[in-house]
C-alpha cells in the first residue's frame, strides 16, 4: 500500500458559506479552494494553516446530515489561549477546558452542531 496521509475530510453543513466564514474567520483556517460544482453547489475546502489534511464543507450526502459529525479533533499548542479566543469570538465552550489522562481538551460546535474537540499538548509522562 502507498497511502501516505488523509487528504480531505467531508464535513456536513447546511449552509456552505456560513460554515466557510466560521472555519476561516472564527477558527483561522485558510480557504484552500472555492469552486462552483453545479446548481446551488460549491466545492469549499478549508484547512488549518500549514496542515496536510483539509476539510470540504459538504451539503450533498444524504446520509450525512448537517451537524452529524462528532469528535473531529483539532490540535493547538496553547489550549487555554485558543479557548479564550474562541469565547471572545462568541463560540460557546460549555464545559471549558477539561483534563483527562490522555491530555487537555475543550469541546465546542460549529454553526450546524458538528461537535469539535480542541486538544492541547498531551501531558509529559
PDB file of N, CA and C in Angstrom:
ATOM      1  N   UNK A   1       0.839  -1.178   0.000  1.00  0.00           N
ATOM      2  CA  UNK A   1       0.000   0.000   0.000  1.00  0.00           C
ATOM      3  C   UNK A   1       0.887   1.246   0.000  1.00  0.00           C
ATOM      4  N   UNK A   2       0.406   2.275  -0.668  1.00  0.00           N
ATOM      5  CA  UNK A   2       1.181   3.518  -0.743  1.00  0.00           C
ATOM      6  C   UNK A   2       0.408   4.715  -0.205  1.00  0.00           C
ATOM      7  N   UNK A   3      -0.584   4.479   0.630  1.00  0.00           N
ATOM      8  CA  UNK A   3      -1.338   5.573   1.233  1.00  0.00           C
ATOM      9  C   UNK A   3      -0.415   6.300   2.206  1.00  0.00           C
ATOM     10  N   UNK A   4      -0.338   7.613   2.079  1.00  0.00           N
ATOM     11  CA  UNK A   4       0.592   8.376   2.913  1.00  0.00           C
ATOM     12  C   UNK A   4      -0.073   9.293   3.935  1.00  0.00           C
ATOM     13  N   UNK A   5      -1.320   9.699   3.693  1.00  0.00           N
ATOM     14  CA  UNK A   5      -1.982  10.588   4.640  1.00  0.00           C
ATOM     15  C   UNK A   5      -3.463  10.734   4.281  1.00  0.00           C
ATOM     16  N   UNK A   6      -4.207  11.322   5.186  1.00  0.00           N
ATOM     17  CA  UNK A   6      -5.598  11.678   4.904  1.00  0.00           C
ATOM     18  C   UNK A   6      -5.557  13.006   4.166  1.00  0.00           C
ATOM     19  N   UNK A   7      -6.199  13.076   3.023  1.00  0.00           N
ATOM     20  CA  UNK A   7      -6.158  14.270   2.186  1.00  0.00           C
ATOM     21  C   UNK A   7      -7.286  15.239   2.548  1.00  0.00           C
ATOM     22  N   UNK A   8      -8.540  14.794   2.403  1.00  0.00           N
ATOM     23  CA  UNK A   8      -9.690  15.667   2.631  1.00  0.00           C
ATOM     24  C   UNK A   8     -10.733  14.909   3.454  1.00  0.00           C
ATOM     25  N   UNK A   9     -11.285  15.575   4.440  1.00  0.00           N
ATOM     26  CA  UNK A   9     -12.376  15.052   5.252  1.00  0.00           C
ATOM     27  C   UNK A   9     -13.636  15.823   4.888  1.00  0.00           C
ATOM     28  N   UNK A  10     -14.737  15.128   4.625  1.00  0.00           N
ATOM     29  CA  UNK A  10     -16.007  15.792   4.326  1.00  0.00           C
ATOM     30  C   UNK A  10     -16.734  16.109   5.619  1.00  0.00           C
ATOM     31  N   UNK A  11     -17.136  17.363   5.771  1.00  0.00           N
ATOM     32  CA  UNK A  11     -17.827  17.828   6.964  1.00  0.00           C
ATOM     33  C   UNK A  11     -19.206  18.328   6.545  1.00  0.00           C
ATOM     34  N   UNK A  12     -20.293  17.717   7.054  1.00  0.00           N
ATOM     35  CA  UNK A  12     -21.635  18.064   6.605  1.00  0.00           C
ATOM     36  C   UNK A  12     -22.160  19.370   7.212  1.00  0.00           C
ATOM     37  N   UNK A  13     -22.593  20.264   6.343  1.00  0.00           N
ATOM     38  CA  UNK A  13     -23.120  21.569   6.761  1.00  0.00           C
ATOM     39  C   UNK A  13     -24.414  21.865   6.007  1.00  0.00           C
ATOM     40  N   UNK A  14     -25.171  22.817   6.510  1.00  0.00           N
ATOM     41  CA  UNK A  14     -26.406  23.202   5.819  1.00  0.00           C
ATOM     42  C   UNK A  14     -26.201  24.407   4.914  1.00  0.00           C
ATOM     43  N   UNK A  15     -25.273  25.273   5.272  1.00  0.00           N
ATOM     44  CA  UNK A  15     -25.009  26.496   4.513  1.00  0.00           C
ATOM     45  C   UNK A  15     -23.486  26.596   4.349  1.00  0.00           C
ATOM     46  N   UNK A  16     -23.014  26.325   3.154  1.00  0.00           N
ATOM     47  CA  UNK A  16     -21.566  26.259   2.922  1.00  0.00           C
ATOM     48  C   UNK A  16     -20.862  27.582   3.197  1.00  0.00           C
ATOM     49  N   UNK A  17     -21.462  28.675   2.805  1.00  0.00           N
ATOM     50  CA  UNK A  17     -20.800  29.970   3.007  1.00  0.00           C
ATOM     51  C   UNK A  17     -20.761  30.365   4.474  1.00  0.00           C
ATOM     52  N   UNK A  18     -21.822  30.083   5.210  1.00  0.00           N
ATOM     53  CA  UNK A  18     -21.823  30.358   6.655  1.00  0.00           C
ATOM     54  C   UNK A  18     -20.744  29.506   7.330  1.00  0.00           C
ATOM     55  N   UNK A  19     -20.657  28.235   6.936  1.00  0.00           N
ATOM     56  CA  UNK A  19     -19.644  27.343   7.503  1.00  0.00           C
ATOM     57  C   UNK A  19     -18.242  27.818   7.126  1.00  0.00           C
ATOM     58  N   UNK A  20     -18.062  28.218   5.868  1.00  0.00           N
ATOM     59  CA  UNK A  20     -16.758  28.748   5.432  1.00  0.00           C
ATOM     60  C   UNK A  20     -16.352  29.924   6.309  1.00  0.00           C
ATOM     61  N   UNK A  21     -17.271  30.838   6.537  1.00  0.00           N
ATOM     62  CA  UNK A  21     -16.966  32.010   7.358  1.00  0.00           C
ATOM     63  C   UNK A  21     -16.574  31.610   8.778  1.00  0.00           C
ATOM     64  N   UNK A  22     -17.252  30.610   9.343  1.00  0.00           N
ATOM     65  CA  UNK A  22     -16.906  30.145  10.690  1.00  0.00           C
ATOM     66  C   UNK A  22     -15.494  29.555  10.714  1.00  0.00           C
ATOM     67  N   UNK A  23     -15.210  28.664   9.782  1.00  0.00           N
ATOM     68  CA  UNK A  23     -13.908  27.995   9.791  1.00  0.00           C
ATOM     69  C   UNK A  23     -12.769  28.950   9.443  1.00  0.00           C
ATOM     70  N   UNK A  24     -13.019  29.893   8.562  1.00  0.00           N
ATOM     71  CA  UNK A  24     -11.968  30.843   8.165  1.00  0.00           C
ATOM     72  C   UNK A  24     -11.875  32.004   9.159  1.00  0.00           C
ATOM     73  N   UNK A  25     -12.981  32.675   9.421  1.00  0.00           N
ATOM     74  CA  UNK A  25     -12.946  33.889  10.244  1.00  0.00           C
ATOM     75  C   UNK A  25     -12.861  33.597  11.740  1.00  0.00           C
ATOM     76  N   UNK A  26     -13.528  32.551  12.201  1.00  0.00           N
ATOM     77  CA  UNK A  26     -13.540  32.258  13.630  1.00  0.00           C
ATOM     78  C   UNK A  26     -12.387  31.346  14.040  1.00  0.00           C
ATOM     79  N   UNK A  27     -12.182  30.258  13.277  1.00  0.00           N
ATOM     80  CA  UNK A  27     -11.125  29.313  13.648  1.00  0.00           C
ATOM     81  C   UNK A  27      -9.778  29.642  13.032  1.00  0.00           C
ATOM     82  N   UNK A  28      -9.745  30.557  12.065  1.00  0.00           N
ATOM     83  CA  UNK A  28      -8.475  30.960  11.468  1.00  0.00           C
ATOM     84  C   UNK A  28      -7.939  30.020  10.406  1.00  0.00           C
ATOM     85  N   UNK A  29      -8.799  29.150   9.873  1.00  0.00           N
ATOM     86  CA  UNK A  29      -8.374  28.262   8.796  1.00  0.00           C
ATOM     87  C   UNK A  29      -8.144  29.073   7.527  1.00  0.00           C
ATOM     88  N   UNK A  30      -7.407  28.487   6.596  1.00  0.00           N
ATOM     89  CA  UNK A  30      -7.214  29.089   5.275  1.00  0.00           C
ATOM     90  C   UNK A  30      -8.273  28.551   4.325  1.00  0.00           C
ATOM     91  N   UNK A  31      -8.726  29.395   3.423  1.00  0.00           N
ATOM     92  CA  UNK A  31      -9.602  28.944   2.346  1.00  0.00           C
ATOM     93  C   UNK A  31      -8.689  28.359   1.274  1.00  0.00           C
ATOM     94  N   UNK A  32      -8.734  27.057   1.106  1.00  0.00           N
ATOM     95  CA  UNK A  32      -7.866  26.367   0.151  1.00  0.00           C
ATOM     96  C   UNK A  32      -8.427  26.500  -1.260  1.00  0.00           C
ATOM     97  N   UNK A  33      -9.759  26.308  -1.375  1.00  0.00           N
ATOM     98  CA  UNK A  33     -10.377  26.328  -2.700  1.00  0.00           C
ATOM     99  C   UNK A  33     -11.875  26.580  -2.561  1.00  0.00           C
ATOM    100  N   UNK A  34     -12.414  27.333  -3.496  1.00  0.00           N
ATOM    101  CA  UNK A  34     -13.864  27.524  -3.585  1.00  0.00           C
ATOM    102  C   UNK A  34     -14.218  27.598  -5.063  1.00  0.00           C
ATOM    103  N   UNK A  35     -14.938  26.568  -5.532  1.00  0.00           N
ATOM    104  CA  UNK A  35     -15.323  26.480  -6.931  1.00  0.00           C
ATOM    105  C   UNK A  35     -16.788  26.070  -7.043  1.00  0.00           C
ATOM    106  N   UNK A  36     -17.459  26.574  -8.070  1.00  0.00           N
ATOM    107  CA  UNK A  36     -18.818  26.128  -8.367  1.00  0.00           C
ATOM    108  C   UNK A  36     -18.761  24.674  -8.822  1.00  0.00           C
ATOM    109  N   UNK A  37     -19.760  23.886  -8.415  1.00  0.00           N
ATOM    110  CA  UNK A  37     -19.845  22.488  -8.825  1.00  0.00           C
ATOM    111  C   UNK A  37     -21.098  22.219  -9.651  1.00  0.00           C
ATOM    112  N   UNK A  38     -22.008  23.142  -9.682  1.00  0.00           N
ATOM    113  CA  UNK A  38     -23.283  22.941 -10.356  1.00  0.00           C
ATOM    114  C   UNK A  38     -24.318  23.816  -9.697  1.00  0.00           C
ATOM    115  N   UNK A  39     -25.579  23.609 -10.036  1.00  0.00           N
ATOM    116  CA  UNK A  39     -26.627  24.436  -9.432  1.00  0.00           C
ATOM    117  C   UNK A  39     -26.619  24.341  -7.897  1.00  0.00           C
ATOM    118  N   UNK A  40     -26.442  25.466  -7.257  1.00  0.00           N
ATOM    119  CA  UNK A  40     -26.519  25.581  -5.796  1.00  0.00           C
ATOM    120  C   UNK A  40     -25.524  24.700  -5.047  1.00  0.00           C
ATOM    121  N   UNK A  41     -24.424  24.309  -5.696  1.00  0.00           N
ATOM    122  CA  UNK A  41     -23.394  23.533  -5.004  1.00  0.00           C
ATOM    123  C   UNK A  41     -22.029  24.127  -5.294  1.00  0.00           C
ATOM    124  N   UNK A  42     -21.199  24.092  -4.251  1.00  0.00           N
ATOM    125  CA  UNK A  42     -19.834  24.581  -4.375  1.00  0.00           C
ATOM    126  C   UNK A  42     -18.887  23.580  -3.729  1.00  0.00           C
ATOM    127  N   UNK A  43     -17.669  23.582  -4.206  1.00  0.00           N
ATOM    128  CA  UNK A  43     -16.602  22.870  -3.514  1.00  0.00           C
ATOM    129  C   UNK A  43     -15.896  23.929  -2.684  1.00  0.00           C
ATOM    130  N   UNK A  44     -16.078  23.851  -1.363  1.00  0.00           N
ATOM    131  CA  UNK A  44     -15.409  24.779  -0.455  1.00  0.00           C
ATOM    132  C   UNK A  44     -14.515  23.938   0.441  1.00  0.00           C
ATOM    133  N   UNK A  45     -13.219  24.212   0.362  1.00  0.00           N
ATOM    134  CA  UNK A  45     -12.216  23.443   1.076  1.00  0.00           C
ATOM    135  C   UNK A  45     -11.415  24.385   1.968  1.00  0.00           C
ATOM    136  N   UNK A  46     -11.308  24.026   3.248  1.00  0.00           N
ATOM    137  CA  UNK A  46     -10.584  24.831   4.231  1.00  0.00           C
ATOM    138  C   UNK A  46      -9.584  23.944   4.966  1.00  0.00           C
ATOM    139  N   UNK A  47      -8.593  24.582   5.572  1.00  0.00           N
ATOM    140  CA  UNK A  47      -7.596  23.816   6.328  1.00  0.00           C
ATOM    141  C   UNK A  47      -6.905  24.717   7.334  1.00  0.00           C
ATOM    142  N   UNK A  48      -6.470  24.145   8.451  1.00  0.00           N
ATOM    143  CA  UNK A  48      -5.613  24.916   9.343  1.00  0.00           C
ATOM    144  C   UNK A  48      -4.353  25.316   8.581  1.00  0.00           C
ATOM    145  N   UNK A  49      -3.805  26.455   8.924  1.00  0.00           N
ATOM    146  CA  UNK A  49      -2.595  26.932   8.236  1.00  0.00           C
ATOM    147  C   UNK A  49      -1.481  25.899   8.325  1.00  0.00           C
ATOM    148  N   UNK A  50      -0.934  25.541   7.170  1.00  0.00           N
ATOM    149  CA  UNK A  50       0.169  24.602   7.108  1.00  0.00           C
ATOM    150  C   UNK A  50      -0.214  23.135   7.237  1.00  0.00           C
ATOM    151  N   UNK A  51      -1.495  22.836   7.340  1.00  0.00           N
ATOM    152  CA  UNK A  51      -1.922  21.445   7.527  1.00  0.00           C
ATOM    153  C   UNK A  51      -1.870  20.654   6.227  1.00  0.00           C
ATOM    154  N   UNK A  52      -1.622  19.375   6.347  1.00  0.00           N
ATOM    155  CA  UNK A  52      -1.626  18.490   5.197  1.00  0.00           C
ATOM    156  C   UNK A  52      -3.050  18.031   4.880  1.00  0.00           C
ATOM    157  N   UNK A  53      -3.872  17.863   5.889  1.00  0.00           N
ATOM    158  CA  UNK A  53      -5.251  17.430   5.709  1.00  0.00           C
ATOM    159  C   UNK A  53      -6.168  18.649   5.698  1.00  0.00           C
ATOM    160  N   UNK A  54      -7.157  18.619   4.809  1.00  0.00           N
ATOM    161  CA  UNK A  54      -8.112  19.719   4.733  1.00  0.00           C
ATOM    162  C   UNK A  54      -9.529  19.188   4.906  1.00  0.00           C
ATOM    163  N   UNK A  55     -10.472  20.110   4.969  1.00  0.00           N
ATOM    164  CA  UNK A  55     -11.890  19.793   5.163  1.00  0.00           C
ATOM    165  C   UNK A  55     -12.662  20.379   4.000  1.00  0.00           C
ATOM    166  N   UNK A  56     -13.575  19.588   3.433  1.00  0.00           N
ATOM    167  CA  UNK A  56     -14.503  20.141   2.460  1.00  0.00           C
ATOM    168  C   UNK A  56     -15.875  20.218   3.116  1.00  0.00           C
ATOM    169  N   UNK A  57     -16.532  21.340   2.931  1.00  0.00           N
ATOM    170  CA  UNK A  57     -17.821  21.618   3.558  1.00  0.00           C
ATOM    171  C   UNK A  57     -18.912  21.149   2.601  1.00  0.00           C
ATOM    172  N   UNK A  58     -19.566  20.035   2.939  1.00  0.00           N
ATOM    173  CA  UNK A  58     -20.468  19.361   2.009  1.00  0.00           C
ATOM    174  C   UNK A  58     -21.932  19.487   2.399  1.00  0.00           C
ATOM    175  N   UNK A  59     -22.765  19.519   1.364  1.00  0.00           N
ATOM    176  CA  UNK A  59     -24.221  19.548   1.549  1.00  0.00           C
ATOM    177  C   UNK A  59     -24.894  18.419   0.775  1.00  0.00           C
ATOM    178  N   UNK A  60     -24.151  17.619   0.063  1.00  0.00           N
ATOM    179  CA  UNK A  60     -24.734  16.705  -0.914  1.00  0.00           C
ATOM    180  C   UNK A  60     -24.799  15.237  -0.514  1.00  0.00           C
ATOM    181  N   UNK A  61     -24.413  14.872   0.678  1.00  0.00           N
ATOM    182  CA  UNK A  61     -24.506  13.473   1.092  1.00  0.00           C
ATOM    183  C   UNK A  61     -25.767  13.278   1.936  1.00  0.00           C
ATOM    184  N   UNK A  62     -26.736  12.536   1.407  1.00  0.00           N
ATOM    185  CA  UNK A  62     -27.990  12.314   2.133  1.00  0.00           C
ATOM    186  C   UNK A  62     -27.781  11.601   3.465  1.00  0.00           C
ATOM    187  N   UNK A  63     -26.772  10.767   3.536  1.00  0.00           N
ATOM    188  CA  UNK A  63     -26.526  10.011   4.764  1.00  0.00           C
ATOM    189  C   UNK A  63     -25.668  10.773   5.767  1.00  0.00           C
ATOM    190  N   UNK A  64     -25.284  12.014   5.423  1.00  0.00           N
ATOM    191  CA  UNK A  64     -24.507  12.863   6.326  1.00  0.00           C
ATOM    192  C   UNK A  64     -25.241  14.188   6.524  1.00  0.00           C
ATOM    193  N   UNK A  65     -26.278  14.197   7.354  1.00  0.00           N
ATOM    194  CA  UNK A  65     -26.978  15.462   7.557  1.00  0.00           C
ATOM    195  C   UNK A  65     -26.101  16.482   8.281  1.00  0.00           C
ATOM    196  N   UNK A  66     -26.367  17.741   8.019  1.00  0.00           N
ATOM    197  CA  UNK A  66     -25.625  18.824   8.670  1.00  0.00           C
ATOM    198  C   UNK A  66     -25.635  18.612  10.178  1.00  0.00           C
ATOM    199  N   UNK A  67     -24.482  18.759  10.793  1.00  0.00           N
ATOM    200  CA  UNK A  67     -24.361  18.628  12.239  1.00  0.00           C
ATOM    201  C   UNK A  67     -24.130  17.212  12.718  1.00  0.00           C
ATOM    202  N   UNK A  68     -23.998  16.245  11.822  1.00  0.00           N
ATOM    203  CA  UNK A  68     -23.881  14.845  12.246  1.00  0.00           C
ATOM    204  C   UNK A  68     -22.454  14.408  12.571  1.00  0.00           C
ATOM    205  N   UNK A  69     -21.463  15.230  12.256  1.00  0.00           N
ATOM    206  CA  UNK A  69     -20.083  14.853  12.558  1.00  0.00           C
ATOM    207  C   UNK A  69     -19.823  15.080  14.047  1.00  0.00           C
ATOM    208  N   UNK A  70     -19.253  14.099  14.688  1.00  0.00           N
ATOM    209  CA  UNK A  70     -18.960  14.184  16.117  1.00  0.00           C
ATOM    210  C   UNK A  70     -17.505  13.812  16.361  1.00  0.00           C
ATOM    211  N   UNK A  71     -16.802  14.621  17.126  1.00  0.00           N
ATOM    212  CA  UNK A  71     -15.477  14.232  17.585  1.00  0.00           C
ATOM    213  C   UNK A  71     -14.324  14.495  16.645  1.00  0.00           C
ATOM    214  N   UNK A  72     -14.448  15.447  15.736  1.00  0.00           N
ATOM    215  CA  UNK A  72     -13.286  15.841  14.943  1.00  0.00           C
ATOM    216  C   UNK A  72     -12.320  16.530  15.899  1.00  0.00           C
ATOM    217  N   UNK A  73     -11.103  16.021  16.000  1.00  0.00           N
ATOM    218  CA  UNK A  73     -10.135  16.541  16.964  1.00  0.00           C
ATOM    219  C   UNK A  73      -9.155  17.466  16.249  1.00  0.00           C
ATOM    220  N   UNK A  74      -9.077  18.692  16.745  1.00  0.00           N
ATOM    221  CA  UNK A  74      -8.155  19.704  16.238  1.00  0.00           C
ATOM    222  C   UNK A  74      -7.062  19.902  17.286  1.00  0.00           C
ATOM    223  N   UNK A  75      -5.865  20.223  16.854  1.00  0.00           N
ATOM    224  CA  UNK A  75      -4.745  20.395  17.788  1.00  0.00           C
ATOM    225  C   UNK A  75      -4.349  21.865  17.897  1.00  0.00           C
ATOM    226  N   UNK A  76      -3.962  22.258  19.092  1.00  0.00           N
ATOM    227  CA  UNK A  76      -3.379  23.571  19.329  1.00  0.00           C
ATOM    228  C   UNK A  76      -2.235  23.426  20.320  1.00  0.00           C
ATOM    229  N   UNK A  77      -1.235  24.285  20.190  1.00  0.00           N
ATOM    230  CA  UNK A  77      -0.128  24.268  21.136  1.00  0.00           C
ATOM    231  C   UNK A  77      -0.455  25.039  22.411  1.00  0.00           C
ATOM    232  N   UNK A  78      -1.494  25.895  22.379  1.00  0.00           N
ATOM    233  CA  UNK A  78      -1.858  26.698  23.547  1.00  0.00           C
ATOM    234  C   UNK A  78      -3.371  26.645  23.738  1.00  0.00           C
ATOM    235  N   UNK A  79      -3.827  25.588  24.365  1.00  0.00           N
ATOM    236  CA  UNK A  79      -5.253  25.336  24.531  1.00  0.00           C
ATOM    237  C   UNK A  79      -5.959  26.462  25.274  1.00  0.00           C
ATOM    238  N   UNK A  80      -5.397  26.926  26.373  1.00  0.00           N
ATOM    239  CA  UNK A  80      -6.063  27.961  27.163  1.00  0.00           C
ATOM    240  C   UNK A  80      -6.247  29.250  26.363  1.00  0.00           C
ATOM    241  N   UNK A  81      -5.224  29.667  25.654  1.00  0.00           N
ATOM    242  CA  UNK A  81      -5.318  30.891  24.851  1.00  0.00           C
ATOM    243  C   UNK A  81      -6.311  30.712  23.710  1.00  0.00           C
ATOM    244  N   UNK A  82      -6.307  29.543  23.088  1.00  0.00           N
ATOM    245  CA  UNK A  82      -7.224  29.292  21.966  1.00  0.00           C
ATOM    246  C   UNK A  82      -8.671  29.288  22.436  1.00  0.00           C
ATOM    247  N   UNK A  83      -8.935  28.682  23.568  1.00  0.00           N
ATOM    248  CA  UNK A  83     -10.296  28.670  24.116  1.00  0.00           C
ATOM    249  C   UNK A  83     -10.724  30.093  24.464  1.00  0.00           C
ATOM    250  N   UNK A  84      -9.848  30.872  25.047  1.00  0.00           N
ATOM    251  CA  UNK A  84     -10.174  32.267  25.366  1.00  0.00           C
ATOM    252  C   UNK A  84     -10.498  33.048  24.096  1.00  0.00           C
ATOM    253  N   UNK A  85      -9.749  32.806  23.028  1.00  0.00           N
ATOM    254  CA  UNK A  85     -10.012  33.473  21.754  1.00  0.00           C
ATOM    255  C   UNK A  85     -11.366  33.061  21.199  1.00  0.00           C
ATOM    256  N   UNK A  86     -11.664  31.767  21.235  1.00  0.00           N
ATOM    257  CA  UNK A  86     -12.963  31.288  20.741  1.00  0.00           C
ATOM    258  C   UNK A  86     -14.117  31.918  21.523  1.00  0.00           C
ATOM    259  N   UNK A  87     -14.007  31.914  22.835  1.00  0.00           N
ATOM    260  CA  UNK A  87     -15.058  32.502  23.674  1.00  0.00           C
ATOM    261  C   UNK A  87     -15.204  33.989  23.364  1.00  0.00           C
ATOM    262  N   UNK A  88     -14.086  34.673  23.159  1.00  0.00           N
ATOM    263  CA  UNK A  88     -14.115  36.086  22.800  1.00  0.00           C
ATOM    264  C   UNK A  88     -14.790  36.342  21.470  1.00  0.00           C
ATOM    265  N   UNK A  89     -14.797  35.342  20.599  1.00  0.00           N
ATOM    266  CA  UNK A  89     -15.467  35.461  19.302  1.00  0.00           C
ATOM    267  C   UNK A  89     -16.910  34.954  19.342  1.00  0.00           C
ATOM    268  N   UNK A  90     -17.389  34.633  20.548  1.00  0.00           N
ATOM    269  CA  UNK A  90     -18.775  34.221  20.702  1.00  0.00           C
ATOM    270  C   UNK A  90     -19.039  32.739  20.575  1.00  0.00           C
ATOM    271  N   UNK A  91     -17.987  31.915  20.544  1.00  0.00           N
ATOM    272  CA  UNK A  91     -18.174  30.462  20.459  1.00  0.00           C
ATOM    273  C   UNK A  91     -18.384  29.922  21.869  1.00  0.00           C
ATOM    274  N   UNK A  92     -19.444  29.160  22.045  1.00  0.00           N
ATOM    275  CA  UNK A  92     -19.719  28.558  23.353  1.00  0.00           C
ATOM    276  C   UNK A  92     -18.808  27.350  23.569  1.00  0.00           C
ATOM    277  N   UNK A  93     -18.150  27.350  24.710  1.00  0.00           N
ATOM    278  CA  UNK A  93     -17.338  26.212  25.143  1.00  0.00           C
ATOM    279  C   UNK A  93     -17.899  25.835  26.511  1.00  0.00           C
ATOM    280  N   UNK A  94     -19.049  25.131  26.503  1.00  0.00           N
ATOM    281  CA  UNK A  94     -19.835  24.973  27.729  1.00  0.00           C
ATOM    282  C   UNK A  94     -19.121  24.357  28.920  1.00  0.00           C
ATOM    283  N   UNK A  95     -18.223  23.418  28.677  1.00  0.00           N
ATOM    284  CA  UNK A  95     -17.540  22.767  29.793  1.00  0.00           C
ATOM    285  C   UNK A  95     -16.129  23.296  30.014  1.00  0.00           C
ATOM    286  N   UNK A  96     -15.733  24.310  29.248  1.00  0.00           N
ATOM    287  CA  UNK A  96     -14.397  24.874  29.380  1.00  0.00           C
ATOM    288  C   UNK A  96     -13.325  23.855  29.063  1.00  0.00           C
ATOM    289  N   UNK A  97     -12.146  24.093  29.582  1.00  0.00           N
ATOM    290  CA  UNK A  97     -11.022  23.180  29.366  1.00  0.00           C
ATOM    291  C   UNK A  97     -11.148  22.022  30.345  1.00  0.00           C
ATOM    292  N   UNK A  98     -11.024  20.820  29.828  1.00  0.00           N
ATOM    293  CA  UNK A  98     -11.140  19.597  30.630  1.00  0.00           C
ATOM    294  C   UNK A  98      -9.784  18.899  30.685  1.00  0.00           C
ATOM    295  N   UNK A  99      -9.533  18.234  31.786  1.00  0.00           N
ATOM    296  CA  UNK A  99      -8.318  17.436  31.936  1.00  0.00           C
ATOM    297  C   UNK A  99      -8.681  15.962  31.884  1.00  0.00           C
ATOM    298  N   UNK A 100      -7.912  15.193  31.138  1.00  0.00           N
ATOM    299  CA  UNK A 100      -8.114  13.752  31.035  1.00  0.00           C
ATOM    300  C   UNK A 100      -6.748  13.081  31.069  1.00  0.00           C
ATOM    301  N   UNK A 101      -6.715  11.793  31.353  1.00  0.00           N
ATOM    302  CA  UNK A 101      -5.424  11.105  31.387  1.00  0.00           C
ATOM    303  C   UNK A 101      -4.654  11.214  30.069  1.00  0.00           C
ATOM    304  N   UNK A 102      -5.357  11.356  28.972  1.00  0.00           N
ATOM    305  CA  UNK A 102      -4.704  11.432  27.653  1.00  0.00           C
ATOM    306  C   UNK A 102      -4.407  12.858  27.206  1.00  0.00           C
ATOM    307  N   UNK A 103      -4.810  13.852  28.010  1.00  0.00           N
ATOM    308  CA  UNK A 103      -4.493  15.233  27.659  1.00  0.00           C
ATOM    309  C   UNK A 103      -5.598  16.202  28.042  1.00  0.00           C
ATOM    310  N   UNK A 104      -5.397  17.460  27.692  1.00  0.00           N
ATOM    311  CA  UNK A 104      -6.366  18.523  27.972  1.00  0.00           C
ATOM    312  C   UNK A 104      -7.133  18.813  26.696  1.00  0.00           C
ATOM    313  N   UNK A 105      -8.423  19.164  26.848  1.00  0.00           N
ATOM    314  CA  UNK A 105      -9.247  19.392  25.681  1.00  0.00           C
ATOM    315  C   UNK A 105     -10.427  20.300  26.025  1.00  0.00           C
ATOM    316  N   UNK A 106     -11.060  20.810  24.983  1.00  0.00           N
ATOM    317  CA  UNK A 106     -12.287  21.592  25.122  1.00  0.00           C
ATOM    318  C   UNK A 106     -13.184  21.223  23.942  1.00  0.00           C
ATOM    319  N   UNK A 107     -14.478  21.217  24.185  1.00  0.00           N
ATOM    320  CA  UNK A 107     -15.442  20.827  23.160  1.00  0.00           C
ATOM    321  C   UNK A 107     -16.316  22.025  22.805  1.00  0.00           C
ATOM    322  N   UNK A 108     -16.552  22.203  21.494  1.00  0.00           N
ATOM    323  CA  UNK A 108     -17.448  23.248  21.012  1.00  0.00           C
ATOM    324  C   UNK A 108     -18.092  22.755  19.736  1.00  0.00           C
ATOM    325  N   UNK A 109     -19.059  23.493  19.235  1.00  0.00           N
ATOM    326  CA  UNK A 109     -19.732  23.101  17.995  1.00  0.00           C
ATOM    327  C   UNK A 109     -19.624  24.212  16.962  1.00  0.00           C
ATOM    328  N   UNK A 110     -19.717  23.806  15.703  1.00  0.00           N
ATOM    329  CA  UNK A 110     -19.774  24.795  14.624  1.00  0.00           C
ATOM    330  C   UNK A 110     -21.230  25.249  14.474  1.00  0.00           C
ATOM    331  N   UNK A 111     -21.540  26.159  13.570  1.00  0.00           N
ATOM    332  CA  UNK A 111     -22.916  26.662  13.458  1.00  0.00           C
ATOM    333  C   UNK A 111     -23.973  25.591  13.157  1.00  0.00           C
ATOM    334  N   UNK A 112     -23.578  24.448  12.615  1.00  0.00           N
ATOM    335  CA  UNK A 112     -24.526  23.372  12.323  1.00  0.00           C
ATOM    336  C   UNK A 112     -24.641  22.354  13.439  1.00  0.00           C
ATOM    337  N   UNK A 113     -23.807  22.464  14.451  1.00  0.00           N
ATOM    338  CA  UNK A 113     -23.834  21.493  15.539  1.00  0.00           C
ATOM    339  C   UNK A 113     -22.827  20.371  15.402  1.00  0.00           C
ATOM    340  N   UNK A 114     -21.949  20.428  14.402  1.00  0.00           N
ATOM    341  CA  UNK A 114     -20.864  19.453  14.332  1.00  0.00           C
ATOM    342  C   UNK A 114     -19.991  19.641  15.569  1.00  0.00           C
ATOM    343  N   UNK A 115     -19.723  18.558  16.275  1.00  0.00           N
ATOM    344  CA  UNK A 115     -19.004  18.614  17.550  1.00  0.00           C
ATOM    345  C   UNK A 115     -17.511  18.514  17.308  1.00  0.00           C
ATOM    346  N   UNK A 116     -16.789  19.541  17.705  1.00  0.00           N
ATOM    347  CA  UNK A 116     -15.343  19.614  17.514  1.00  0.00           C
ATOM    348  C   UNK A 116     -14.645  19.566  18.861  1.00  0.00           C
ATOM    349  N   UNK A 117     -13.507  18.898  18.886  1.00  0.00           N
ATOM    350  CA  UNK A 117     -12.712  18.806  20.096  1.00  0.00           C
ATOM    351  C   UNK A 117     -11.386  19.509  19.825  1.00  0.00           C
ATOM    352  N   UNK A 118     -11.060  20.448  20.663  1.00  0.00           N
ATOM    353  CA  UNK A 118      -9.785  21.154  20.567  1.00  0.00           C
ATOM    354  C   UNK A 118      -8.878  20.546  21.629  1.00  0.00           C
ATOM    355  N   UNK A 119      -7.781  19.993  21.190  1.00  0.00           N
ATOM    356  CA  UNK A 119      -6.886  19.256  22.086  1.00  0.00           C
ATOM    357  C   UNK A 119      -5.558  19.978  22.200  1.00  0.00           C
ATOM    358  N   UNK A 120      -5.083  20.097  23.412  1.00  0.00           N
ATOM    359  CA  UNK A 120      -3.770  20.680  23.656  1.00  0.00           C
ATOM    360  C   UNK A 120      -2.693  19.620  23.647  1.00  0.00           C
ATOM    361  N   UNK A 121      -1.504  20.044  23.935  1.00  0.00           N
ATOM    362  CA  UNK A 121      -0.392  19.083  24.002  1.00  0.00           C
ATOM    363  C   UNK A 121      -0.672  18.056  25.088  1.00  0.00           C
ATOM    364  N   UNK A 122      -0.320  16.811  24.826  1.00  0.00           N
ATOM    365  CA  UNK A 122      -0.517  15.787  25.882  1.00  0.00           C
ATOM    366  C   UNK A 122       0.440  16.036  27.036  1.00  0.00           C
ATOM    367  N   UNK A 123       0.044  15.613  28.231  1.00  0.00           N
ATOM    368  CA  UNK A 123       0.952  15.796  29.370  1.00  0.00           C
ATOM    369  C   UNK A 123       2.195  14.946  29.180  1.00  0.00           C
ATOM    370  N   UNK A 124       3.285  15.393  29.749  1.00  0.00           N
ATOM    371  CA  UNK A 124       4.535  14.627  29.681  1.00  0.00           C
ATOM    372  C   UNK A 124       4.453  13.450  30.637  1.00  0.00           C
ATOM    373  N   UNK A 125       5.010  12.364  30.218  1.00  0.00           N
ATOM    374  CA  UNK A 125       4.982  11.133  31.044  1.00  0.00           C
ATOM    375  C   UNK A 125       5.962  11.228  32.172  1.00  0.00           C
TER     376      UNK A 125
END
